[in-house]
Protein backbone atom coordinates (compact mmCIF):
# COMPACT_ATOMS: atom_id res chain seq x y z
CA MET A 1 38.81 -61.37 -31.65
CA THR A 2 35.11 -60.98 -31.18
CA LYS A 3 33.51 -58.29 -29.04
CA LYS A 4 31.22 -60.73 -27.18
CA GLU A 5 32.26 -61.40 -23.62
CA LEU A 6 34.12 -64.67 -23.42
CA THR A 7 33.63 -67.14 -20.65
CA TYR A 8 36.66 -68.17 -18.63
CA LYS A 9 36.65 -71.55 -20.38
CA GLU A 10 36.51 -69.96 -23.85
CA ALA A 11 39.34 -67.56 -23.05
CA PHE A 12 41.48 -70.33 -21.54
CA THR A 13 40.84 -72.62 -24.50
CA ARG A 14 41.88 -69.85 -26.90
CA LEU A 15 45.06 -69.32 -24.86
CA GLU A 16 45.85 -73.02 -25.25
CA GLU A 17 45.25 -72.79 -29.01
CA ILE A 18 47.61 -69.83 -29.31
CA GLN A 19 50.20 -71.62 -27.19
CA ALA A 20 50.09 -74.59 -29.57
CA LEU A 21 50.50 -72.26 -32.56
CA ILE A 22 53.49 -70.54 -30.99
CA GLU A 23 55.10 -73.83 -30.01
CA SER A 24 54.66 -75.13 -33.56
CA ASN A 25 57.06 -72.43 -34.81
CA LYS A 26 54.82 -71.92 -37.84
CA LEU A 27 53.92 -68.29 -37.16
CA ASP A 28 55.73 -65.46 -38.87
CA VAL A 29 56.75 -62.43 -36.85
CA ASP A 30 53.69 -60.37 -37.84
CA ASP A 31 51.30 -63.15 -36.81
CA LEU A 32 53.24 -63.74 -33.62
CA SER A 33 52.88 -60.09 -32.67
CA GLU A 34 49.11 -60.21 -33.26
CA LYS A 35 48.76 -63.43 -31.26
CA LEU A 36 50.68 -61.92 -28.34
CA LYS A 37 48.32 -58.94 -28.32
CA GLU A 38 45.39 -61.36 -28.22
CA VAL A 39 47.07 -63.29 -25.39
CA SER A 40 47.32 -60.09 -23.39
CA VAL A 41 43.57 -59.50 -23.71
CA LEU A 42 42.74 -63.13 -22.92
CA LEU A 43 44.96 -63.15 -19.84
CA LYS A 44 43.21 -60.05 -18.52
CA ILE A 45 39.82 -61.69 -19.05
CA CYS A 46 40.95 -64.80 -17.16
CA LYS A 47 42.55 -62.78 -14.37
CA ASP A 48 39.45 -60.62 -13.92
CA LYS A 49 37.13 -63.62 -13.83
CA LEU A 50 39.33 -65.44 -11.31
CA PHE A 51 39.46 -62.34 -9.11
CA LEU A 52 35.67 -61.97 -9.25
CA ALA A 53 35.16 -65.64 -8.39
CA SER A 54 37.59 -65.30 -5.48
CA GLU A 55 35.79 -62.24 -4.13
CA GLU A 56 32.39 -63.90 -4.46
CA THR A 57 33.70 -67.00 -2.68
CA LYS A 58 35.05 -64.89 0.19
CA LYS A 59 31.71 -63.10 0.50
CA ILE A 60 29.79 -66.39 0.60
CA LEU A 61 32.15 -67.85 3.19
CA GLU A 62 31.77 -64.75 5.37
CA GLU A 63 27.98 -65.02 5.16
CA ILE A 64 27.93 -68.62 6.36
CA LYS A 65 30.20 -68.03 9.35
């Protein structure tokens, strides 16, 4: 996986691609292990971005009250 920071959409799209690969049952065990490691990183990226968006939304809503 590249070192550049992925957008939420890019990370989510990659998760969907990996899901399709896993569901195809065409991965061997070594590839599956590597894909699961990548999934872990992608999930953290998505989680962090969602948390940040949530916090920013709360801040904006507090400011307009």
